[in-house]
All heavy atoms as atom14 arrays in JSON, in Angstrom:
{
  "sequence": "LDRLHERYGEFPVAENCEPLTAEQFAEWTDDVAAYDYIGGAYCWIR",
  "atom14_mask": [
    [1, 1, 1, 1, 1, 1, 1, 1, 0, 0, 0, 0, 0, 0],
    [1, 1, 1, 1, 1, 1, 1, 1, 0, 0, 0, 0, 0, 0],
    [1, 1, 1, 1, 1, 1, 1, 1, 1, 1, 1, 0, 0, 0],
    [1, 1, 1, 1, 1, 1, 1, 1, 0, 0, 0, 0, 0, 0],
    [1, 1, 1, 1, 1, 1, 1, 1, 1, 1, 0, 0, 0, 0],
    [1, 1, 1, 1, 1, 1, 1, 1, 1, 0, 0, 0, 0, 0],
    [1, 1, 1, 1, 1, 1, 1, 1, 1, 1, 1, 0, 0, 0],
    [1, 1, 1, 1, 1, 1, 1, 1, 1, 1, 1, 1, 0, 0],
    [1, 1, 1, 1, 0, 0, 0, 0, 0, 0, 0, 0, 0, 0],
    [1, 1, 1, 1, 1, 1, 1, 1, 1, 0, 0, 0, 0, 0],
    [1, 1, 1, 1, 1, 1, 1, 1, 1, 1, 1, 0, 0, 0],
    [1, 1, 1, 1, 1, 1, 1, 0, 0, 0, 0, 0, 0, 0],
    [1, 1, 1, 1, 1, 1, 1, 0, 0, 0, 0, 0, 0, 0],
    [1, 1, 1, 1, 1, 0, 0, 0, 0, 0, 0, 0, 0, 0],
    [1, 1, 1, 1, 1, 1, 1, 1, 1, 0, 0, 0, 0, 0],
    [1, 1, 1, 1, 1, 1, 1, 1, 0, 0, 0, 0, 0, 0],
    [1, 1, 1, 1, 1, 1, 0, 0, 0, 0, 0, 0, 0, 0],
    [1, 1, 1, 1, 1, 1, 1, 1, 1, 0, 0, 0, 0, 0],
    [1, 1, 1, 1, 1, 1, 1, 0, 0, 0, 0, 0, 0, 0],
    [1, 1, 1, 1, 1, 1, 1, 1, 0, 0, 0, 0, 0, 0],
    [1, 1, 1, 1, 1, 1, 1, 0, 0, 0, 0, 0, 0, 0],
    [1, 1, 1, 1, 1, 0, 0, 0, 0, 0, 0, 0, 0, 0],
    [1, 1, 1, 1, 1, 1, 1, 1, 1, 0, 0, 0, 0, 0],
    [1, 1, 1, 1, 1, 1, 1, 1, 1, 0, 0, 0, 0, 0],
    [1, 1, 1, 1, 1, 1, 1, 1, 1, 1, 1, 0, 0, 0],
    [1, 1, 1, 1, 1, 0, 0, 0, 0, 0, 0, 0, 0, 0],
    [1, 1, 1, 1, 1, 1, 1, 1, 1, 0, 0, 0, 0, 0],
    [1, 1, 1, 1, 1, 1, 1, 1, 1, 1, 1, 1, 1, 1],
    [1, 1, 1, 1, 1, 1, 1, 0, 0, 0, 0, 0, 0, 0],
    [1, 1, 1, 1, 1, 1, 1, 1, 0, 0, 0, 0, 0, 0],
    [1, 1, 1, 1, 1, 1, 1, 1, 0, 0, 0, 0, 0, 0],
    [1, 1, 1, 1, 1, 1, 1, 0, 0, 0, 0, 0, 0, 0],
    [1, 1, 1, 1, 1, 0, 0, 0, 0, 0, 0, 0, 0, 0],
    [1, 1, 1, 1, 1, 0, 0, 0, 0, 0, 0, 0, 0, 0],
    [1, 1, 1, 1, 1, 1, 1, 1, 1, 1, 1, 1, 0, 0],
    [1, 1, 1, 1, 1, 1, 1, 1, 0, 0, 0, 0, 0, 0],
    [1, 1, 1, 1, 1, 1, 1, 1, 1, 1, 1, 1, 0, 0],
    [1, 1, 1, 1, 1, 1, 1, 1, 0, 0, 0, 0, 0, 0],
    [1, 1, 1, 1, 0, 0, 0, 0, 0, 0, 0, 0, 0, 0],
    [1, 1, 1, 1, 0, 0, 0, 0, 0, 0, 0, 0, 0, 0],
    [1, 1, 1, 1, 1, 0, 0, 0, 0, 0, 0, 0, 0, 0],
    [1, 1, 1, 1, 1, 1, 1, 1, 1, 1, 1, 1, 0, 0],
    [1, 1, 1, 1, 1, 1, 0, 0, 0, 0, 0, 0, 0, 0],
    [1, 1, 1, 1, 1, 1, 1, 1, 1, 1, 1, 1, 1, 1],
    [1, 1, 1, 1, 1, 1, 1, 1, 0, 0, 0, 0, 0, 0],
    [1, 1, 1, 1, 1, 1, 1, 1, 1, 1, 1, 0, 0, 0]
  ],
  "atom14_positions": [
    [[-0.48, -11.39, -17.52], [-1.15, -12.15, -18.58], [-0.4, -12.0, -19.9], [-0.22, -12.99, -20.63], [-2.6, -11.7, -18.73], [-3.56, -12.21, -17.66], [-4.91, -11.52, -17.79], [-3.72, -13.71, -17.75], [0.0, 0.0, 0.0], [0.0, 0.0, 0.0], [0.0, 0.0, 0.0], [0.0, 0.0, 0.0], [0.0, 0.0, 0.0], [0.0, 0.0, 0.0]],
    [[0.02, -10.78, -20.22], [0.79, -10.55, -21.46], [2.07, -11.38, -21.46], [2.42, -12.0, -22.46], [1.13, -9.07, -21.63], [-0.08, -8.22, -21.97], [-1.13, -8.78, -22.36], [0.04, -6.97, -21.85], [0.0, 0.0, 0.0], [0.0, 0.0, 0.0], [0.0, 0.0, 0.0], [0.0, 0.0, 0.0], [0.0, 0.0, 0.0], [0.0, 0.0, 0.0]],
    [[2.77, -11.42, -20.33], [4.02, -12.18, -20.22], [3.75, -13.67, -20.44], [4.49, -14.36, -21.16], [4.65, -11.96, -18.85], [5.98, -12.67, -18.68], [6.42, -12.67, -17.2], [7.31, -13.78, -16.98], [6.93, -15.04, -16.78], [5.68, -15.37, -16.77], [7.83, -15.98, -16.6], [0.0, 0.0, 0.0], [0.0, 0.0, 0.0], [0.0, 0.0, 0.0]],
    [[2.69, -14.2, -19.83], [2.36, -15.61, -20.01], [1.99, -15.91, -21.45], [2.4, -16.94, -22.01], [1.23, -16.03, -19.06], [1.58, -16.09, -17.58], [0.34, -16.33, -16.73], [2.63, -17.17, -17.31], [0.0, 0.0, 0.0], [0.0, 0.0, 0.0], [0.0, 0.0, 0.0], [0.0, 0.0, 0.0], [0.0, 0.0, 0.0], [0.0, 0.0, 0.0]],
    [[1.24, -15.01, -22.11], [0.88, -15.21, -23.52], [2.13, -15.17, -24.41], [2.24, -15.97, -25.35], [-0.13, -14.17, -23.98], [-1.53, -14.46, -23.58], [-2.24, -15.56, -24.02], [-2.38, -13.8, -22.76], [-3.44, -15.57, -23.5], [-3.56, -14.51, -22.72], [0.0, 0.0, 0.0], [0.0, 0.0, 0.0], [0.0, 0.0, 0.0], [0.0, 0.0, 0.0]],
    [[3.05, -14.28, -24.11], [4.3, -14.22, -24.9], [5.09, -15.51, -24.77], [5.68, -15.99, -25.73], [5.16, -13.04, -24.44], [4.63, -11.7, -24.89], [5.4, -10.53, -24.28], [6.5, -10.75, -23.71], [4.9, -9.4, -24.35], [0.0, 0.0, 0.0], [0.0, 0.0, 0.0], [0.0, 0.0, 0.0], [0.0, 0.0, 0.0], [0.0, 0.0, 0.0]],
    [[5.1, -16.07, -23.57], [5.91, -17.27, -23.33], [5.23, -18.55, -23.78], [5.87, -19.46, -24.31], [6.24, -17.36, -21.84], [7.05, -18.56, -21.52], [7.8, -18.45, -20.26], [8.63, -19.63, -20.15], [9.41, -19.88, -19.15], [9.5, -19.03, -18.19], [10.11, -20.97, -19.12], [0.0, 0.0, 0.0], [0.0, 0.0, 0.0], [0.0, 0.0, 0.0]],
    [[3.91, -18.67, -23.58], [3.22, -19.94, -23.81], [2.21, -19.91, -24.96], [1.63, -20.94, -25.29], [2.5, -20.38, -22.54], [3.42, -20.62, -21.38], [3.58, -19.66, -20.37], [4.16, -21.79, -21.27], [4.44, -19.87, -19.3], [5.03, -22.02, -20.21], [5.16, -21.04, -19.23], [6.01, -21.25, -18.18], [0.0, 0.0, 0.0], [0.0, 0.0, 0.0]],
    [[1.96, -18.75, -25.54], [0.96, -18.67, -26.6], [-0.43, -18.52, -26.03], [-0.63, -18.02, -24.93], [0.0, 0.0, 0.0], [0.0, 0.0, 0.0], [0.0, 0.0, 0.0], [0.0, 0.0, 0.0], [0.0, 0.0, 0.0], [0.0, 0.0, 0.0], [0.0, 0.0, 0.0], [0.0, 0.0, 0.0], [0.0, 0.0, 0.0], [0.0, 0.0, 0.0]],
    [[-1.4, -19.01, -26.76], [-2.8, -18.87, -26.34], [-3.18, -19.91, -25.29], [-2.75, -21.06, -25.35], [-3.72, -18.99, -27.55], [-3.63, -17.8, -28.49], [-3.94, -16.48, -27.81], [-4.97, -16.38, -27.12], [-3.14, -15.55, -27.97], [0.0, 0.0, 0.0], [0.0, 0.0, 0.0], [0.0, 0.0, 0.0], [0.0, 0.0, 0.0], [0.0, 0.0, 0.0]],
    [[-4.02, -19.51, -24.38], [-4.6, -20.39, -23.37], [-5.88, -19.73, -22.88], [-6.07, -18.52, -23.03], [-3.62, -20.63, -22.2], [-3.08, -19.38, -21.59], [-3.79, -18.67, -20.62], [-1.84, -18.89, -21.99], [-3.28, -17.51, -20.08], [-1.32, -17.73, -21.45], [-2.05, -17.03, -20.48], [0.0, 0.0, 0.0], [0.0, 0.0, 0.0], [0.0, 0.0, 0.0]],
    [[-6.78, -20.51, -22.3], [-8.05, -19.93, -21.84], [-7.86, -19.0, -20.65], [-7.08, -19.3, -19.74], [-8.88, -21.14, -21.41], [-8.18, -22.34, -21.94], [-6.76, -21.97, -22.17], [0.0, 0.0, 0.0], [0.0, 0.0, 0.0], [0.0, 0.0, 0.0], [0.0, 0.0, 0.0], [0.0, 0.0, 0.0], [0.0, 0.0, 0.0], [0.0, 0.0, 0.0]],
    [[-8.56, -17.87, -20.68], [-8.59, -16.94, -19.56], [-10.06, -16.73, -19.2], [-10.83, -16.22, -20.02], [-7.93, -15.59, -19.89], [-8.04, -14.62, -18.71], [-6.47, -15.78, -20.3], [0.0, 0.0, 0.0], [0.0, 0.0, 0.0], [0.0, 0.0, 0.0], [0.0, 0.0, 0.0], [0.0, 0.0, 0.0], [0.0, 0.0, 0.0], [0.0, 0.0, 0.0]],
    [[-10.43, -17.14, -18.0], [-11.79, -16.94, -17.52], [-11.8, -15.67, -16.68], [-11.05, -15.56, -15.72], [-12.24, -18.12, -16.68], [0.0, 0.0, 0.0], [0.0, 0.0, 0.0], [0.0, 0.0, 0.0], [0.0, 0.0, 0.0], [0.0, 0.0, 0.0], [0.0, 0.0, 0.0], [0.0, 0.0, 0.0], [0.0, 0.0, 0.0], [0.0, 0.0, 0.0]],
    [[-12.63, -14.71, -17.07], [-12.76, -13.49, -16.26], [-14.03, -13.6, -15.46], [-15.13, -13.72, -16.02], [-12.76, -12.25, -17.12], [-12.71, -10.98, -16.27], [-12.39, -9.74, -17.06], [-11.33, -9.7, -17.71], [-13.21, -8.8, -16.99], [0.0, 0.0, 0.0], [0.0, 0.0, 0.0], [0.0, 0.0, 0.0], [0.0, 0.0, 0.0], [0.0, 0.0, 0.0]],
    [[-13.88, -13.59, -14.16], [-15.02, -13.69, -13.26], [-15.15, -12.41, -12.46], [-14.2, -11.96, -11.83], [-14.85, -14.88, -12.31], [-14.82, -16.19, -13.06], [-15.64, -16.41, -13.95], [-13.89, -17.06, -12.72], [0.0, 0.0, 0.0], [0.0, 0.0, 0.0], [0.0, 0.0, 0.0], [0.0, 0.0, 0.0], [0.0, 0.0, 0.0], [0.0, 0.0, 0.0]],
    [[-16.33, -11.83, -12.51], [-16.6, -10.58, -11.8], [-17.39, -10.9, -10.54], [-18.38, -11.63, -10.6], [-17.38, -9.62, -12.68], [-16.46, -9.16, -14.15], [0.0, 0.0, 0.0], [0.0, 0.0, 0.0], [0.0, 0.0, 0.0], [0.0, 0.0, 0.0], [0.0, 0.0, 0.0], [0.0, 0.0, 0.0], [0.0, 0.0, 0.0], [0.0, 0.0, 0.0]],
    [[-16.92, -10.36, -9.42], [-17.59, -10.57, -8.15], [-17.99, -9.24, -7.55], [-17.11, -8.42, -7.26], [-16.67, -11.31, -7.17], [-16.38, -12.73, -7.56], [-15.67, -13.5, -6.46], [-15.87, -13.17, -5.27], [-14.92, -14.41, -6.8], [0.0, 0.0, 0.0], [0.0, 0.0, 0.0], [0.0, 0.0, 0.0], [0.0, 0.0, 0.0], [0.0, 0.0, 0.0]],
    [[-19.28, -9.01, -7.35], [-19.68, -7.78, -6.65], [-19.29, -7.89, -5.18], [-19.49, -8.93, -4.55], [-21.2, -7.75, -6.84], [-21.6, -9.14, -7.16], [-20.41, -9.83, -7.75], [0.0, 0.0, 0.0], [0.0, 0.0, 0.0], [0.0, 0.0, 0.0], [0.0, 0.0, 0.0], [0.0, 0.0, 0.0], [0.0, 0.0, 0.0], [0.0, 0.0, 0.0]],
    [[-18.72, -6.81, -4.64], [-18.25, -6.81, -3.25], [-18.93, -5.71, -2.45], [-19.07, -4.59, -2.94], [-16.74, -6.59, -3.2], [-15.85, -7.58, -3.95], [-14.39, -7.13, -3.88], [-16.0, -8.99, -3.39], [0.0, 0.0, 0.0], [0.0, 0.0, 0.0], [0.0, 0.0, 0.0], [0.0, 0.0, 0.0], [0.0, 0.0, 0.0], [0.0, 0.0, 0.0]],
    [[-19.3, -6.05, -1.24], [-19.79, -5.02, -0.32], [-18.6, -4.15, 0.09], [-17.44, -4.51, -0.17], [-20.4, -5.65, 0.94], [-19.36, -6.34, 1.65], [-21.54, -6.61, 0.6], [0.0, 0.0, 0.0], [0.0, 0.0, 0.0], [0.0, 0.0, 0.0], [0.0, 0.0, 0.0], [0.0, 0.0, 0.0], [0.0, 0.0, 0.0], [0.0, 0.0, 0.0]],
    [[-18.86, -3.04, 0.73], [-17.78, -2.17, 1.18], [-16.83, -2.92, 2.12], [-15.61, -2.77, 2.04], [-18.36, -0.93, 1.87], [0.0, 0.0, 0.0], [0.0, 0.0, 0.0], [0.0, 0.0, 0.0], [0.0, 0.0, 0.0], [0.0, 0.0, 0.0], [0.0, 0.0, 0.0], [0.0, 0.0, 0.0], [0.0, 0.0, 0.0], [0.0, 0.0, 0.0]],
    [[-17.39, -3.76, 2.99], [-16.56, -4.53, 3.93], [-15.68, -5.54, 3.19], [-14.49, -5.68, 3.46], [-17.45, -5.25, 4.94], [-16.69, -6.0, 6.0], [-17.61, -6.67, 7.01], [-18.68, -6.09, 7.33], [-17.26, -7.77, 7.46], [0.0, 0.0, 0.0], [0.0, 0.0, 0.0], [0.0, 0.0, 0.0], [0.0, 0.0, 0.0], [0.0, 0.0, 0.0]],
    [[-16.27, -6.28, 2.23], [-15.5, -7.25, 1.45], [-14.41, -6.55, 0.64], [-13.28, -7.03, 0.57], [-16.42, -8.03, 0.5], [-17.36, -8.97, 1.21], [-18.42, -9.51, 0.27], [-18.95, -8.78, -0.59], [-18.74, -10.79, 0.43], [0.0, 0.0, 0.0], [0.0, 0.0, 0.0], [0.0, 0.0, 0.0], [0.0, 0.0, 0.0], [0.0, 0.0, 0.0]],
    [[-14.76, -5.42, 0.04], [-13.78, -4.67, -0.75], [-12.6, -4.24, 0.12], [-11.45, -4.35, -0.28], [-14.44, -3.45, -1.42], [-13.57, -2.76, -2.42], [-13.46, -3.25, -3.71], [-12.85, -1.63, -2.07], [-12.65, -2.63, -4.64], [-12.03, -0.99, -3.0], [-11.94, -1.49, -4.28], [0.0, 0.0, 0.0], [0.0, 0.0, 0.0], [0.0, 0.0, 0.0]],
    [[-12.89, -3.8, 1.34], [-11.83, -3.4, 2.27], [-10.93, -4.59, 2.62], [-9.7, -4.44, 2.7], [-12.44, -2.79, 3.53], [0.0, 0.0, 0.0], [0.0, 0.0, 0.0], [0.0, 0.0, 0.0], [0.0, 0.0, 0.0], [0.0, 0.0, 0.0], [0.0, 0.0, 0.0], [0.0, 0.0, 0.0], [0.0, 0.0, 0.0], [0.0, 0.0, 0.0]],
    [[-11.52, -5.78, 2.81], [-10.73, -6.97, 3.11], [-9.79, -7.3, 1.95], [-8.61, -7.61, 2.14], [-11.64, -8.16, 3.41], [-12.37, -8.07, 4.72], [-13.39, -9.18, 4.91], [-13.44, -10.13, 4.09], [-14.16, -9.1, 5.89], [0.0, 0.0, 0.0], [0.0, 0.0, 0.0], [0.0, 0.0, 0.0], [0.0, 0.0, 0.0], [0.0, 0.0, 0.0]],
    [[-10.32, -7.27, 0.73], [-9.51, -7.57, -0.46], [-8.38, -6.56, -0.59], [-7.23, -6.93, -0.83], [-10.36, -7.56, -1.72], [-11.23, -8.77, -1.91], [-11.89, -9.48, -0.95], [-11.54, -9.4, -3.15], [-12.6, -10.5, -1.52], [-12.41, -10.48, -2.87], [-11.2, -9.13, -4.47], [-12.91, -11.3, -3.86], [-11.71, -9.97, -5.46], [-12.55, -11.04, -5.16]],
    [[-8.68, -5.28, -0.47], [-7.64, -4.26, -0.64], [-6.63, -4.31, 0.5], [-5.45, -4.02, 0.27], [-8.24, -2.85, -0.79], [-9.07, -2.56, 0.34], [-9.04, -2.72, -2.06], [0.0, 0.0, 0.0], [0.0, 0.0, 0.0], [0.0, 0.0, 0.0], [0.0, 0.0, 0.0], [0.0, 0.0, 0.0], [0.0, 0.0, 0.0], [0.0, 0.0, 0.0]],
    [[-7.06, -4.68, 1.7], [-6.11, -4.84, 2.81], [-5.1, -5.95, 2.5], [-3.91, -5.8, 2.77], [-6.84, -5.15, 4.12], [-7.56, -3.95, 4.7], [-7.34, -2.81, 4.2], [-8.37, -4.14, 5.65], [0.0, 0.0, 0.0], [0.0, 0.0, 0.0], [0.0, 0.0, 0.0], [0.0, 0.0, 0.0], [0.0, 0.0, 0.0], [0.0, 0.0, 0.0]],
    [[-5.58, -7.08, 1.95], [-4.68, -8.17, 1.57], [-3.7, -7.73, 0.49], [-2.5, -8.04, 0.55], [-5.46, -9.39, 1.06], [-6.1, -10.18, 2.19], [-5.77, -9.94, 3.36], [-6.95, -11.04, 1.88], [0.0, 0.0, 0.0], [0.0, 0.0, 0.0], [0.0, 0.0, 0.0], [0.0, 0.0, 0.0], [0.0, 0.0, 0.0], [0.0, 0.0, 0.0]],
    [[-4.2, -7.0, -0.49], [-3.33, -6.5, -1.57], [-2.25, -5.59, -0.98], [-1.07, -5.73, -1.3], [-4.15, -5.77, -2.66], [-3.24, -5.01, -3.61], [-5.01, -6.77, -3.43], [0.0, 0.0, 0.0], [0.0, 0.0, 0.0], [0.0, 0.0, 0.0], [0.0, 0.0, 0.0], [0.0, 0.0, 0.0], [0.0, 0.0, 0.0], [0.0, 0.0, 0.0]],
    [[-2.65, -4.68, -0.11], [-1.7, -3.73, 0.45], [-0.72, -4.39, 1.42], [0.48, -4.12, 1.38], [-2.46, -2.61, 1.16], [0.0, 0.0, 0.0], [0.0, 0.0, 0.0], [0.0, 0.0, 0.0], [0.0, 0.0, 0.0], [0.0, 0.0, 0.0], [0.0, 0.0, 0.0], [0.0, 0.0, 0.0], [0.0, 0.0, 0.0], [0.0, 0.0, 0.0]],
    [[-1.21, -5.27, 2.28], [-0.36, -5.88, 3.31], [0.63, -6.88, 2.74], [1.75, -7.01, 3.23], [-1.23, -6.55, 4.37], [0.0, 0.0, 0.0], [0.0, 0.0, 0.0], [0.0, 0.0, 0.0], [0.0, 0.0, 0.0], [0.0, 0.0, 0.0], [0.0, 0.0, 0.0], [0.0, 0.0, 0.0], [0.0, 0.0, 0.0], [0.0, 0.0, 0.0]],
    [[0.23, -7.62, 1.72], [1.06, -8.72, 1.2], [1.48, -8.53, -0.24], [2.03, -9.46, -0.83], [0.3, -10.05, 1.33], [-0.24, -10.3, 2.72], [-1.6, -10.24, 2.98], [0.61, -10.58, 3.78], [-2.11, -10.46, 4.25], [0.13, -10.8, 5.06], [-1.23, -10.73, 5.29], [-1.72, -10.94, 6.54], [0.0, 0.0, 0.0], [0.0, 0.0, 0.0]],
    [[1.21, -7.37, -0.84], [1.42, -7.18, -2.28], [0.76, -8.32, -3.04], [1.3, -8.86, -4.0], [2.92, -7.12, -2.62], [3.57, -5.86, -2.11], [2.95, -4.79, -2.24], [4.69, -5.95, -1.57], [0.0, 0.0, 0.0], [0.0, 0.0, 0.0], [0.0, 0.0, 0.0], [0.0, 0.0, 0.0], [0.0, 0.0, 0.0], [0.0, 0.0, 0.0]],
    [[-0.44, -8.69, -2.6], [-1.12, -9.86, -3.14], [-1.63, -9.62, -4.55], [-2.3, -8.64, -4.83], [-2.29, -10.24, -2.22], [-2.89, -11.59, -2.56], [-2.19, -12.75, -2.3], [-4.14, -11.69, -3.14], [-2.72, -13.99, -2.61], [-4.69, -12.92, -3.44], [-3.97, -14.07, -3.18], [-4.49, -15.29, -3.48], [0.0, 0.0, 0.0], [0.0, 0.0, 0.0]],
    [[-1.28, -10.52, -5.45], [-1.7, -10.44, -6.85], [-2.55, -11.65, -7.25], [-3.29, -11.62, -8.21], [-0.47, -10.29, -7.79], [-0.89, -9.97, -9.21], [0.4, -11.52, -7.77], [-1.41, -8.59, -9.4], [0.0, 0.0, 0.0], [0.0, 0.0, 0.0], [0.0, 0.0, 0.0], [0.0, 0.0, 0.0], [0.0, 0.0, 0.0], [0.0, 0.0, 0.0]],
    [[-2.43, -12.76, -6.49], [-3.17, -13.97, -6.82], [-2.35, -15.2, -6.47], [-1.51, -15.18, -5.57], [0.0, 0.0, 0.0], [0.0, 0.0, 0.0], [0.0, 0.0, 0.0], [0.0, 0.0, 0.0], [0.0, 0.0, 0.0], [0.0, 0.0, 0.0], [0.0, 0.0, 0.0], [0.0, 0.0, 0.0], [0.0, 0.0, 0.0], [0.0, 0.0, 0.0]],
    [[-2.59, -16.29, -7.2], [-1.94, -17.55, -6.89], [-1.55, -18.32, -8.14], [-1.94, -17.98, -9.26], [0.0, 0.0, 0.0], [0.0, 0.0, 0.0], [0.0, 0.0, 0.0], [0.0, 0.0, 0.0], [0.0, 0.0, 0.0], [0.0, 0.0, 0.0], [0.0, 0.0, 0.0], [0.0, 0.0, 0.0], [0.0, 0.0, 0.0], [0.0, 0.0, 0.0]],
    [[-0.78, -19.38, -7.91], [-0.31, -20.23, -9.01], [-0.3, -21.68, -8.54], [0.11, -21.97, -7.42], [1.09, -19.8, -9.44], [0.0, 0.0, 0.0], [0.0, 0.0, 0.0], [0.0, 0.0, 0.0], [0.0, 0.0, 0.0], [0.0, 0.0, 0.0], [0.0, 0.0, 0.0], [0.0, 0.0, 0.0], [0.0, 0.0, 0.0], [0.0, 0.0, 0.0]],
    [[-0.76, -22.57, -9.42], [-1.01, -23.96, -9.05], [-0.53, -24.9, -10.15], [-0.49, -24.52, -11.32], [-2.51, -24.16, -8.81], [-3.03, -23.19, -7.78], [-3.44, -21.91, -8.16], [-3.05, -23.51, -6.43], [-3.88, -20.99, -7.21], [-3.48, -22.6, -5.48], [-3.89, -21.34, -5.88], [-4.29, -20.44, -4.94], [0.0, 0.0, 0.0], [0.0, 0.0, 0.0]],
    [[-0.21, -26.15, -9.77], [0.34, -27.1, -10.74], [-0.45, -28.4, -10.8], [-0.72, -29.02, -9.77], [1.79, -27.46, -10.38], [2.96, -26.15, -10.68], [0.0, 0.0, 0.0], [0.0, 0.0, 0.0], [0.0, 0.0, 0.0], [0.0, 0.0, 0.0], [0.0, 0.0, 0.0], [0.0, 0.0, 0.0], [0.0, 0.0, 0.0], [0.0, 0.0, 0.0]],
    [[-0.75, -28.8, -12.03], [-1.27, -30.13, -12.34], [-0.03, -30.95, -12.69], [0.57, -30.77, -13.75], [-2.23, -30.04, -13.53], [-2.75, -31.34, -14.03], [-2.16, -32.14, -14.97], [-3.97, -31.99, -13.65], [-2.95, -33.24, -15.2], [-4.06, -33.17, -14.4], [-4.99, -31.68, -12.76], [-5.13, -34.05, -14.28], [-6.06, -32.56, -12.65], [-6.12, -33.72, -13.4]],
    [[0.4, -31.8, -11.75], [1.67, -32.54, -11.91], [1.37, -33.99, -12.24], [0.69, -34.69, -11.49], [2.5, -32.48, -10.62], [2.71, -31.03, -10.18], [3.84, -33.19, -10.82], [3.2, -30.89, -8.77], [0.0, 0.0, 0.0], [0.0, 0.0, 0.0], [0.0, 0.0, 0.0], [0.0, 0.0, 0.0], [0.0, 0.0, 0.0], [0.0, 0.0, 0.0]],
    [[1.92, -34.42, -13.36], [1.77, -35.8, -13.79], [3.08, -36.54, -13.55], [4.15, -36.01, -13.84], [1.41, -35.86, -15.27], [0.94, -37.23, -15.72], [0.78, -37.27, -17.23], [1.65, -38.29, -17.75], [2.9, -38.14, -18.15], [3.48, -36.99, -18.15], [3.6, -39.16, -18.6], [0.0, 0.0, 0.0], [0.0, 0.0, 0.0], [0.0, 0.0, 0.0]]
  ]
}
């Protein structure tokens, strides 16, 4: 986020909190560990 702010200036950041059960938390952390998963990136192309 800091890198994007340095490069592009201000933009909206929505922080969404999701409560997770132990099973859901394990699934999320397994994805992070197995794939070095950090998230995704998408384009609005005109």
